[in-house]
Amino acid sequence: MPLASLYNYWIVIGLMMIGLYMVIAQGNLIKKIIGLNIFQTSVFIFYISVGKVEGGSAPILDGGEHLYSNPLPHVLILTAIVVGIATTSLALALAIRIKRSYGSVEERDIRAQECPRPGEGGPEC
């Protein structure tokens, strides 16, 4: 099987790496949430790609077809999309609360307010 025919898997790998990089490298909480959404989208595309049966038809029994595609992966992805929207909205709501409490959504600024300098007392960070 030539590599060009697996383009959707290359897209999955690219999106996964972009999302992972954004989560690890960015200090802004909103950018981290966007990175998680990109990573999540790559998992959706991967799962749908794996669930595709070449030459398969919809599982409607009409007597003519003998190779069917399983609809379960697609149904699971629809559920995962709904859960992803809910977790994204929760993460954004938390980011709003953090912004109100600390005045910033940058990790560096939040850590500076939470962790005192060494020798000033308080928990070590």
Protein backbone atom coordinates (compact mmCIF):
# COMPACT_ATOMS: atom_id res chain seq x y z
CA MET A 1 0.00 0.00 0.00
CA PRO A 2 1.64 3.29 -1.08
CA LEU A 3 2.15 6.02 1.49
CA ALA A 4 0.15 8.52 -0.56
CA SER A 5 -3.02 6.46 -0.07
CA LEU A 6 -2.69 6.87 3.70
CA TYR A 7 -2.96 10.67 3.62
CA ASN A 8 -5.60 10.76 6.35
CA TYR A 9 -3.17 9.07 8.76
CA TRP A 10 -0.52 11.69 7.91
CA ILE A 11 -3.08 14.38 8.68
CA VAL A 12 -3.81 12.67 12.01
CA ILE A 13 -0.11 12.58 12.88
CA GLY A 14 0.33 16.25 11.93
CA LEU A 15 -2.67 17.42 13.93
CA MET A 16 -1.64 15.28 16.90
CA MET A 17 1.86 16.77 16.96
CA ILE A 18 0.53 20.33 16.59
CA GLY A 19 -1.93 19.82 19.45
CA LEU A 20 0.67 18.17 21.69
CA TYR A 21 3.17 20.95 20.99
CA MET A 22 0.60 23.61 21.87
CA VAL A 23 -0.26 21.91 25.16
CA ILE A 24 3.38 21.50 26.18
CA ALA A 25 5.01 24.67 24.82
CA GLN A 26 2.38 27.36 25.35
CA GLY A 27 2.02 29.20 28.65
CA ASN A 28 -1.36 30.71 27.81
CA LEU A 29 -4.27 28.65 29.14
CA ILE A 30 -6.54 29.51 26.19
CA LYS A 31 -3.89 28.30 23.73
CA LYS A 32 -3.56 25.09 25.74
CA ILE A 33 -7.32 24.53 25.45
CA ILE A 34 -7.11 25.09 21.69
CA GLY A 35 -4.21 22.61 21.54
CA LEU A 36 -6.27 20.02 23.40
CA ASN A 37 -9.11 20.51 20.91
CA ILE A 38 -6.75 20.04 17.96
CA PHE A 39 -5.37 16.87 19.56
CA GLN A 40 -8.91 15.64 20.22
CA THR A 41 -9.88 16.28 16.60
CA SER A 42 -6.93 14.20 15.41
CA VAL A 43 -8.13 11.31 17.58
CA PHE A 44 -11.62 11.63 16.05
CA ILE A 45 -10.19 11.51 12.52
CA PHE A 46 -8.02 8.52 13.42
CA TYR A 47 -10.90 6.59 14.94
CA ILE A 48 -13.16 7.24 11.95
CA SER A 49 -10.34 6.25 9.56
CA VAL A 50 -9.78 2.97 11.37
CA GLY A 51 -13.52 2.24 11.35
CA LYS A 52 -13.83 2.63 7.56
CA VAL A 53 -14.22 -0.64 5.64
CA GLU A 54 -13.09 -0.44 2.03
CA GLY A 55 -16.03 -1.44 -0.17
CA GLY A 56 -18.36 -1.76 2.81
CA SER A 57 -21.89 -0.48 2.72
CA ALA A 58 -24.32 0.73 5.35
CA PRO A 59 -25.58 -2.11 7.54
CA ILE A 60 -29.02 -2.26 5.94
CA LEU A 61 -30.04 -5.81 5.25
CA ASP A 62 -31.46 -5.90 1.75
CA GLY A 63 -30.05 -9.24 0.64
CA GLY A 64 -27.56 -7.90 -1.91
CA GLU A 65 -24.53 -6.77 0.09
CA HIS A 66 -22.33 -9.01 2.22
CA LEU A 67 -19.66 -6.54 3.36
CA TYR A 68 -20.85 -4.00 5.88
CA SER A 69 -19.23 -1.07 7.64
CA ASN A 70 -19.66 -1.02 11.40
CA PRO A 71 -21.54 2.16 12.44
CA LEU A 72 -20.35 1.92 16.05
CA PRO A 73 -17.12 3.97 15.61
CA HIS A 74 -19.09 6.82 14.05
CA VAL A 75 -21.68 6.76 16.82
CA LEU A 76 -18.93 6.78 19.45
CA ILE A 77 -17.28 9.75 17.77
CA LEU A 78 -20.58 11.66 17.83
CA THR A 79 -20.76 11.02 21.56
CA ALA A 80 -17.11 12.04 21.97
CA ILE A 81 -17.78 15.30 20.12
CA VAL A 82 -20.57 16.15 22.57
CA VAL A 83 -18.34 15.31 25.54
CA GLY A 84 -15.51 17.34 23.96
CA ILE A 85 -17.75 20.38 23.63
CA ALA A 86 -18.78 20.06 27.27
CA THR A 87 -15.20 19.74 28.52
CA THR A 88 -14.07 22.64 26.35
CA SER A 89 -16.82 24.86 27.72
CA LEU A 90 -15.87 23.84 31.27
CA ALA A 91 -12.19 24.57 30.57
CA LEU A 92 -13.08 27.99 29.14
CA ALA A 93 -15.27 28.75 32.16
CA LEU A 94 -12.35 27.84 34.44
CA ALA A 95 -10.06 30.07 32.37
CA ILE A 96 -12.49 32.96 32.89
CA ARG A 97 -12.49 32.34 36.65
CA ILE A 98 -8.69 32.19 36.69
CA LYS A 99 -8.54 35.44 34.73
CA ARG A 100 -10.84 37.11 37.28
CA SER A 101 -8.88 35.75 40.25
CA TYR A 102 -5.33 36.32 39.02
CA GLY A 103 -5.75 38.94 36.32
CA SER A 104 -4.02 36.77 33.71
CA VAL A 105 -4.28 33.47 31.88
CA GLU A 106 -0.51 33.12 31.54
CA GLU A 107 0.99 30.31 33.64
CA ARG A 108 4.05 32.39 34.47
CA ASP A 109 1.98 35.21 35.98
CA ILE A 110 -0.24 32.83 37.93
CA ARG A 111 2.78 30.97 39.36
CA ALA A 112 4.40 34.26 40.31
CA GLN A 113 1.34 35.20 42.35
CA GLU A 114 0.93 31.75 43.92
CA CYS A 115 4.55 30.90 44.74
CA PRO A 116 6.50 33.31 46.94
CA ARG A 117 10.18 33.86 46.42
CA PRO A 118 12.49 31.54 48.35
CA GLY A 119 12.98 32.70 51.93
CA GLU A 120 9.64 34.53 52.15
CA GLY A 121 7.82 31.61 53.74
CA GLY A 122 4.89 29.69 52.42
CA PRO A 123 4.88 26.48 50.40
CA GLU A 124 7.80 25.73 48.12
CA CYS A 125 6.85 25.67 44.44
